[in-house]
């Protein structure tokens, strides 16, 4: 799989020219899944970084993502990954839970971020923020964050597959694949499914009456 675009520091440069030099890229994985957490990563890359092949995680193979995740951790000035689990998603809704996980990840960055670039995630923050659509294909920092979020969530879903056998989490990662639908019909809803999501709520409805 060959990425169609080559992210660069053009978006980060807009912050740099205004005096904010530690720019964190922020991206999430798992917002549309029916089970497991939504995972958010924040990454500050050095402005001197050259030759990095970071790209939107969706444009990379699993092997490429794993290899590049190691590189992100090696070169990053700072990075952090946070999860929002189904209970928080139910309480805050998916957007609120994504914002909460993003806030936790950003707060953990050391040194702290001075500005943010996100993939159309309009975070409530006092930091200068750029949030264009498809920023994970435009910004190296957001691409790096997308790689960490995706690989960490995938690894977590594989671990959950062992704890909740039969659902196939290591394959579909909690998304609404046919195999996941079949497993739900056979096994019912687990505690790591998202009860606020319509397909899961529909399955739970008979037990709530």
C-alpha atoms as a PDB file:
ATOM      1  CA  UNK A   1       0.000   0.000   0.000  1.00  0.00           C
ATOM      2  CA  UNK A   2       1.498   3.336  -1.084  1.00  0.00           C
ATOM      3  CA  UNK A   3       0.315   6.539   0.624  1.00  0.00           C
ATOM      4  CA  UNK A   4      -1.123   9.067  -1.832  1.00  0.00           C
ATOM      5  CA  UNK A   5       0.086  12.110   0.063  1.00  0.00           C
ATOM      6  CA  UNK A   6       3.220  13.209   1.863  1.00  0.00           C
ATOM      7  CA  UNK A   7       2.516  15.096   5.102  1.00  0.00           C
ATOM      8  CA  UNK A   8       4.895  17.895   6.006  1.00  0.00           C
ATOM      9  CA  UNK A   9       5.264  20.694   8.553  1.00  0.00           C
ATOM     10  CA  UNK A  10       3.182  23.311   6.681  1.00  0.00           C
ATOM     11  CA  UNK A  11       0.470  23.413   9.353  1.00  0.00           C
ATOM     12  CA  UNK A  12       2.982  23.385  12.190  1.00  0.00           C
ATOM     13  CA  UNK A  13       4.811  26.230  10.473  1.00  0.00           C
ATOM     14  CA  UNK A  14       1.733  28.435  10.882  1.00  0.00           C
ATOM     15  CA  UNK A  15       2.118  28.052  14.657  1.00  0.00           C
ATOM     16  CA  UNK A  16       5.902  28.393  14.580  1.00  0.00           C
ATOM     17  CA  UNK A  17       5.735  31.722  12.766  1.00  0.00           C
ATOM     18  CA  UNK A  18       3.459  33.031  15.538  1.00  0.00           C
ATOM     19  CA  UNK A  19       5.900  32.023  18.261  1.00  0.00           C
ATOM     20  CA  UNK A  20       4.443  28.657  19.346  1.00  0.00           C
ATOM     21  CA  UNK A  21       7.234  26.170  18.781  1.00  0.00           C
ATOM     22  CA  UNK A  22       6.123  23.012  20.607  1.00  0.00           C
ATOM     23  CA  UNK A  23       3.235  21.949  18.396  1.00  0.00           C
ATOM     24  CA  UNK A  24       1.370  18.766  19.260  1.00  0.00           C
ATOM     25  CA  UNK A  25      -0.411  16.773  16.609  1.00  0.00           C
ATOM     26  CA  UNK A  26      -3.514  15.060  17.990  1.00  0.00           C
ATOM     27  CA  UNK A  27      -5.511  12.236  16.429  1.00  0.00           C
ATOM     28  CA  UNK A  28      -7.848   9.426  17.477  1.00  0.00           C
ATOM     29  CA  UNK A  29      -8.680   5.845  16.570  1.00  0.00           C
ATOM     30  CA  UNK A  30     -11.836   3.886  17.222  1.00  0.00           C
ATOM     31  CA  UNK A  31     -14.564   6.522  17.228  1.00  0.00           C
ATOM     32  CA  UNK A  32     -16.797   4.402  15.024  1.00  0.00           C
ATOM     33  CA  UNK A  33     -16.160   1.060  16.738  1.00  0.00           C
ATOM     34  CA  UNK A  34     -18.932  -0.764  18.593  1.00  0.00           C
ATOM     35  CA  UNK A  35     -16.628  -2.053  21.313  1.00  0.00           C
ATOM     36  CA  UNK A  36     -13.509  -1.044  23.188  1.00  0.00           C
ATOM     37  CA  UNK A  37     -12.153   2.443  23.791  1.00  0.00           C
ATOM     38  CA  UNK A  38     -11.671   5.451  21.618  1.00  0.00           C
ATOM     39  CA  UNK A  39      -7.929   6.111  21.730  1.00  0.00           C
ATOM     40  CA  UNK A  40      -6.267   9.513  21.364  1.00  0.00           C
ATOM     41  CA  UNK A  41      -2.573  10.236  20.860  1.00  0.00           C
ATOM     42  CA  UNK A  42      -0.709  13.529  21.081  1.00  0.00           C
ATOM     43  CA  UNK A  43       2.771  13.897  19.570  1.00  0.00           C
ATOM     44  CA  UNK A  44       5.271  16.764  19.465  1.00  0.00           C
ATOM     45  CA  UNK A  45       7.911  16.283  16.790  1.00  0.00           C
ATOM     46  CA  UNK A  46      11.189  18.213  16.519  1.00  0.00           C
ATOM     47  CA  UNK A  47      11.083  20.931  13.864  1.00  0.00           C
ATOM     48  CA  UNK A  48      14.439  19.668  12.582  1.00  0.00           C
ATOM     49  CA  UNK A  49      13.042  16.245  11.698  1.00  0.00           C
ATOM     50  CA  UNK A  50      13.849  15.246   8.112  1.00  0.00           C
ATOM     51  CA  UNK A  51      12.986  12.254   5.980  1.00  0.00           C
ATOM     52  CA  UNK A  52      10.168  10.964   8.169  1.00  0.00           C
ATOM     53  CA  UNK A  53       7.672   8.725   6.366  1.00  0.00           C
ATOM     54  CA  UNK A  54       4.837   9.245   8.831  1.00  0.00           C
ATOM     55  CA  UNK A  55       1.437   9.278   7.166  1.00  0.00           C
ATOM     56  CA  UNK A  56      -2.251   8.839   7.852  1.00  0.00           C
ATOM     57  CA  UNK A  57      -2.475   5.440   9.550  1.00  0.00           C
ATOM     58  CA  UNK A  58      -5.321   4.433   7.209  1.00  0.00           C
ATOM     59  CA  UNK A  59      -2.943   4.791   4.244  1.00  0.00           C
ATOM     60  CA  UNK A  60      -0.434   2.353   5.753  1.00  0.00           C
ATOM     61  CA  UNK A  61      -0.308  -1.399   6.154  1.00  0.00           C
ATOM     62  CA  UNK A  62      -0.265  -2.897   9.642  1.00  0.00           C
ATOM     63  CA  UNK A  63       3.431  -3.731   9.263  1.00  0.00           C
ATOM     64  CA  UNK A  64       4.230  -0.175   8.171  1.00  0.00           C
ATOM     65  CA  UNK A  65       2.287   1.240  11.113  1.00  0.00           C
ATOM     66  CA  UNK A  66       4.141  -0.948  13.604  1.00  0.00           C
ATOM     67  CA  UNK A  67       7.520   0.006  12.203  1.00  0.00           C
ATOM     68  CA  UNK A  68       6.697   3.703  12.078  1.00  0.00           C
ATOM     69  CA  UNK A  69       5.236   3.670  15.614  1.00  0.00           C
ATOM     70  CA  UNK A  70       8.673   2.682  16.893  1.00  0.00           C
ATOM     71  CA  UNK A  71      10.204   5.580  14.959  1.00  0.00           C
ATOM     72  CA  UNK A  72       7.645   8.041  16.319  1.00  0.00           C
ATOM     73  CA  UNK A  73       8.558   7.119  19.895  1.00  0.00           C
ATOM     74  CA  UNK A  74      12.263   7.377  19.086  1.00  0.00           C
ATOM     75  CA  UNK A  75      12.184  10.839  17.516  1.00  0.00           C
ATOM     76  CA  UNK A  76       9.319  12.578  19.333  1.00  0.00           C
ATOM     77  CA  UNK A  77      10.027  15.460  21.701  1.00  0.00           C
ATOM     78  CA  UNK A  78       7.031  14.165  23.690  1.00  0.00           C
ATOM     79  CA  UNK A  79       4.097  11.829  23.158  1.00  0.00           C
ATOM     80  CA  UNK A  80       1.168  10.450  25.148  1.00  0.00           C
ATOM     81  CA  UNK A  81      -1.744   8.093  24.481  1.00  0.00           C
ATOM     82  CA  UNK A  82      -5.039   7.990  26.381  1.00  0.00           C
ATOM     83  CA  UNK A  83      -8.209   5.875  26.158  1.00  0.00           C
ATOM     84  CA  UNK A  84     -11.866   6.640  26.811  1.00  0.00           C
ATOM     85  CA  UNK A  85     -13.745   3.446  27.630  1.00  0.00           C
ATOM     86  CA  UNK A  86     -17.417   2.592  26.951  1.00  0.00           C
ATOM     87  CA  UNK A  87     -18.599   3.918  30.309  1.00  0.00           C
ATOM     88  CA  UNK A  88     -17.114   7.329  29.597  1.00  0.00           C
ATOM     89  CA  UNK A  89     -18.429   7.218  26.026  1.00  0.00           C
ATOM     90  CA  UNK A  90     -21.934   6.522  27.357  1.00  0.00           C
ATOM     91  CA  UNK A  91     -21.656   9.314  29.919  1.00  0.00           C
ATOM     92  CA  UNK A  92     -20.156  11.989  27.678  1.00  0.00           C
ATOM     93  CA  UNK A  93     -21.135  10.770  24.174  1.00  0.00           C
ATOM     94  CA  UNK A  94     -18.418   9.835  21.694  1.00  0.00           C
ATOM     95  CA  UNK A  95     -17.359  13.390  20.887  1.00  0.00           C
ATOM     96  CA  UNK A  96     -17.184  14.377  24.557  1.00  0.00           C
ATOM     97  CA  UNK A  97     -15.244  11.233  25.418  1.00  0.00           C
ATOM     98  CA  UNK A  98     -12.824  11.874  22.551  1.00  0.00           C
ATOM     99  CA  UNK A  99     -12.308  15.430  23.803  1.00  0.00           C
ATOM    100  CA  UNK A 100     -11.715  14.144  27.348  1.00  0.00           C
ATOM    101  CA  UNK A 101      -9.131  11.574  26.219  1.00  0.00           C
ATOM    102  CA  UNK A 102      -7.434  14.223  24.071  1.00  0.00           C
ATOM    103  CA  UNK A 103      -7.262  16.608  27.028  1.00  0.00           C
ATOM    104  CA  UNK A 104      -5.658  13.903  29.167  1.00  0.00           C
ATOM    105  CA  UNK A 105      -3.097  13.072  26.480  1.00  0.00           C
ATOM    106  CA  UNK A 106      -2.200  16.726  25.923  1.00  0.00           C
ATOM    107  CA  UNK A 107      -1.877  17.295  29.681  1.00  0.00           C
ATOM    108  CA  UNK A 108       0.642  14.445  29.943  1.00  0.00           C
ATOM    109  CA  UNK A 109       3.042  15.886  27.378  1.00  0.00           C
ATOM    110  CA  UNK A 110       6.392  16.855  28.853  1.00  0.00           C
ATOM    111  CA  UNK A 111       7.495  19.387  27.771  1.00  0.00           C
ATOM    112  CA  UNK A 112       4.033  20.858  27.407  1.00  0.00           C
ATOM    113  CA  UNK A 113       2.516  21.730  24.048  1.00  0.00           C
ATOM    114  CA  UNK A 114       2.263  25.396  23.081  1.00  0.00           C
ATOM    115  CA  UNK A 115      -0.137  24.846  20.150  1.00  0.00           C
ATOM    116  CA  UNK A 116      -2.150  22.063  18.561  1.00  0.00           C
ATOM    117  CA  UNK A 117      -2.970  20.607  15.165  1.00  0.00           C
ATOM    118  CA  UNK A 118      -5.834  18.097  14.997  1.00  0.00           C
ATOM    119  CA  UNK A 119      -7.689  16.146  12.361  1.00  0.00           C
ATOM    120  CA  UNK A 120     -10.871  18.269  12.383  1.00  0.00           C
ATOM    121  CA  UNK A 121     -11.173  17.796  16.154  1.00  0.00           C
ATOM    122  CA  UNK A 122     -12.226  21.187  17.495  1.00  0.00           C
ATOM    123  CA  UNK A 123     -11.024  20.773  21.052  1.00  0.00           C
ATOM    124  CA  UNK A 124     -12.091  23.196  23.786  1.00  0.00           C
ATOM    125  CA  UNK A 125      -8.647  24.553  24.654  1.00  0.00           C
ATOM    126  CA  UNK A 126      -6.846  27.779  25.426  1.00  0.00           C
ATOM    127  CA  UNK A 127      -3.980  26.712  23.150  1.00  0.00           C
ATOM    128  CA  UNK A 128      -3.777  27.965  19.557  1.00  0.00           C
ATOM    129  CA  UNK A 129      -5.530  25.332  17.455  1.00  0.00           C
ATOM    130  CA  UNK A 130      -5.621  24.390  13.784  1.00  0.00           C
ATOM    131  CA  UNK A 131      -8.193  21.703  12.982  1.00  0.00           C
ATOM    132  CA  UNK A 132      -8.491  21.213   9.215  1.00  0.00           C
ATOM    133  CA  UNK A 133     -10.121  18.084   7.787  1.00  0.00           C
ATOM    134  CA  UNK A 134      -7.791  15.241   6.811  1.00  0.00           C
ATOM    135  CA  UNK A 135      -4.939  16.757   8.798  1.00  0.00           C
ATOM    136  CA  UNK A 136      -3.548  13.252   9.328  1.00  0.00           C
ATOM    137  CA  UNK A 137      -2.668  13.309   5.606  1.00  0.00           C
ATOM    138  CA  UNK A 138      -1.293  16.865   5.749  1.00  0.00           C
ATOM    139  CA  UNK A 139       0.628  17.233   9.027  1.00  0.00           C
ATOM    140  CA  UNK A 140       3.559  15.092  10.084  1.00  0.00           C
ATOM    141  CA  UNK A 141       2.654  15.598  13.748  1.00  0.00           C
ATOM    142  CA  UNK A 142      -0.953  14.506  13.264  1.00  0.00           C
ATOM    143  CA  UNK A 143       0.159  11.587  11.097  1.00  0.00           C
ATOM    144  CA  UNK A 144       2.511  10.495  13.884  1.00  0.00           C
ATOM    145  CA  UNK A 145      -0.345  10.746  16.386  1.00  0.00           C
ATOM    146  CA  UNK A 146      -2.619   8.719  14.109  1.00  0.00           C
ATOM    147  CA  UNK A 147      -0.013   5.964  13.942  1.00  0.00           C
ATOM    148  CA  UNK A 148       0.369   5.787  17.730  1.00  0.00           C
ATOM    149  CA  UNK A 149      -3.388   5.878  18.350  1.00  0.00           C
ATOM    150  CA  UNK A 150      -4.077   3.154  15.800  1.00  0.00           C
ATOM    151  CA  UNK A 151      -1.275   0.793  16.827  1.00  0.00           C
ATOM    152  CA  UNK A 152      -1.933   1.141  20.562  1.00  0.00           C
ATOM    153  CA  UNK A 153      -5.657   0.599  20.135  1.00  0.00           C
ATOM    154  CA  UNK A 154      -5.114  -2.389  17.830  1.00  0.00           C
ATOM    155  CA  UNK A 155      -2.773  -3.969  20.375  1.00  0.00           C
ATOM    156  CA  UNK A 156      -5.310  -3.364  23.125  1.00  0.00           C
ATOM    157  CA  UNK A 157      -8.129  -4.936  21.101  1.00  0.00           C
ATOM    158  CA  UNK A 158      -5.939  -7.988  20.510  1.00  0.00           C
ATOM    159  CA  UNK A 159      -5.448  -8.275  24.293  1.00  0.00           C
ATOM    160  CA  UNK A 160      -9.206  -7.936  24.796  1.00  0.00           C
ATOM    161  CA  UNK A 161      -9.746 -10.744  22.289  1.00  0.00           C
ATOM    162  CA  UNK A 162      -8.056 -13.094  24.744  1.00  0.00           C
ATOM    163  CA  UNK A 163     -10.209 -11.837  27.628  1.00  0.00           C
ATOM    164  CA  UNK A 164     -13.450 -11.981  25.639  1.00  0.00           C
ATOM    165  CA  UNK A 165     -13.024 -14.987  23.325  1.00  0.00           C
ATOM    166  CA  UNK A 166     -15.403 -15.550  20.475  1.00  0.00           C
ATOM    167  CA  UNK A 167     -16.009 -11.951  19.446  1.00  0.00           C
ATOM    168  CA  UNK A 168     -13.022 -11.765  17.113  1.00  0.00           C
ATOM    169  CA  UNK A 169     -11.737  -8.445  18.432  1.00  0.00           C
ATOM    170  CA  UNK A 170      -8.205  -9.100  17.164  1.00  0.00           C
ATOM    171  CA  UNK A 171      -9.572  -9.199  13.621  1.00  0.00           C
ATOM    172  CA  UNK A 172     -12.224  -6.490  13.346  1.00  0.00           C
ATOM    173  CA  UNK A 173     -10.984  -4.372  16.285  1.00  0.00           C
ATOM    174  CA  UNK A 174     -14.518  -3.798  17.552  1.00  0.00           C
ATOM    175  CA  UNK A 175     -15.962  -2.359  14.352  1.00  0.00           C
ATOM    176  CA  UNK A 176     -19.268  -3.519  12.870  1.00  0.00           C
ATOM    177  CA  UNK A 177     -17.884  -6.227  10.606  1.00  0.00           C
ATOM    178  CA  UNK A 178     -20.088  -9.213   9.636  1.00  0.00           C
ATOM    179  CA  UNK A 179     -18.063 -11.481  11.939  1.00  0.00           C
ATOM    180  CA  UNK A 180     -18.705  -9.088  14.829  1.00  0.00           C
ATOM    181  CA  UNK A 181     -22.434  -8.996  14.093  1.00  0.00           C
ATOM    182  CA  UNK A 182     -22.537 -12.793  14.041  1.00  0.00           C
ATOM    183  CA  UNK A 183     -20.653 -13.028  17.326  1.00  0.00           C
ATOM    184  CA  UNK A 184     -23.020 -10.564  18.972  1.00  0.00           C
ATOM    185  CA  UNK A 185     -26.025 -12.586  17.810  1.00  0.00           C
ATOM    186  CA  UNK A 186     -24.420 -15.720  19.233  1.00  0.00           C
ATOM    187  CA  UNK A 187     -22.818 -14.435  22.434  1.00  0.00           C
ATOM    188  CA  UNK A 188     -24.724 -11.284  23.278  1.00  0.00           C
ATOM    189  CA  UNK A 189     -23.258  -7.975  24.417  1.00  0.00           C
ATOM    190  CA  UNK A 190     -20.092  -7.886  26.527  1.00  0.00           C
ATOM    191  CA  UNK A 191     -19.065  -5.324  29.123  1.00  0.00           C
ATOM    192  CA  UNK A 192     -16.667  -3.663  26.695  1.00  0.00           C
ATOM    193  CA  UNK A 193     -19.342  -2.984  24.094  1.00  0.00           C
ATOM    194  CA  UNK A 194     -20.729   0.551  23.804  1.00  0.00           C
ATOM    195  CA  UNK A 195     -24.357   0.478  24.999  1.00  0.00           C
ATOM    196  CA  UNK A 196     -24.990   3.995  23.680  1.00  0.00           C
ATOM    197  CA  UNK A 197     -24.318   2.892  20.101  1.00  0.00           C
ATOM    198  CA  UNK A 198     -27.496   2.066  18.195  1.00  0.00           C
ATOM    199  CA  UNK A 199     -26.611  -1.500  17.095  1.00  0.00           C
ATOM    200  CA  UNK A 200     -25.647  -2.420  20.665  1.00  0.00           C
ATOM    201  CA  UNK A 201     -28.587  -0.563  22.224  1.00  0.00           C
ATOM    202  CA  UNK A 202     -30.928  -2.501  19.947  1.00  0.00           C
ATOM    203  CA  UNK A 203     -29.499  -5.802  21.168  1.00  0.00           C
ATOM    204  CA  UNK A 204     -29.818  -4.690  24.788  1.00  0.00           C
ATOM    205  CA  UNK A 205     -33.396  -3.450  24.424  1.00  0.00           C
ATOM    206  CA  UNK A 206     -35.164  -6.769  25.082  1.00  0.00           C
ATOM    207  CA  UNK A 207     -33.282  -7.185  28.364  1.00  0.00           C
ATOM    208  CA  UNK A 208     -34.217  -3.658  29.441  1.00  0.00           C
ATOM    209  CA  UNK A 209     -37.960  -4.195  29.040  1.00  0.00           C
END
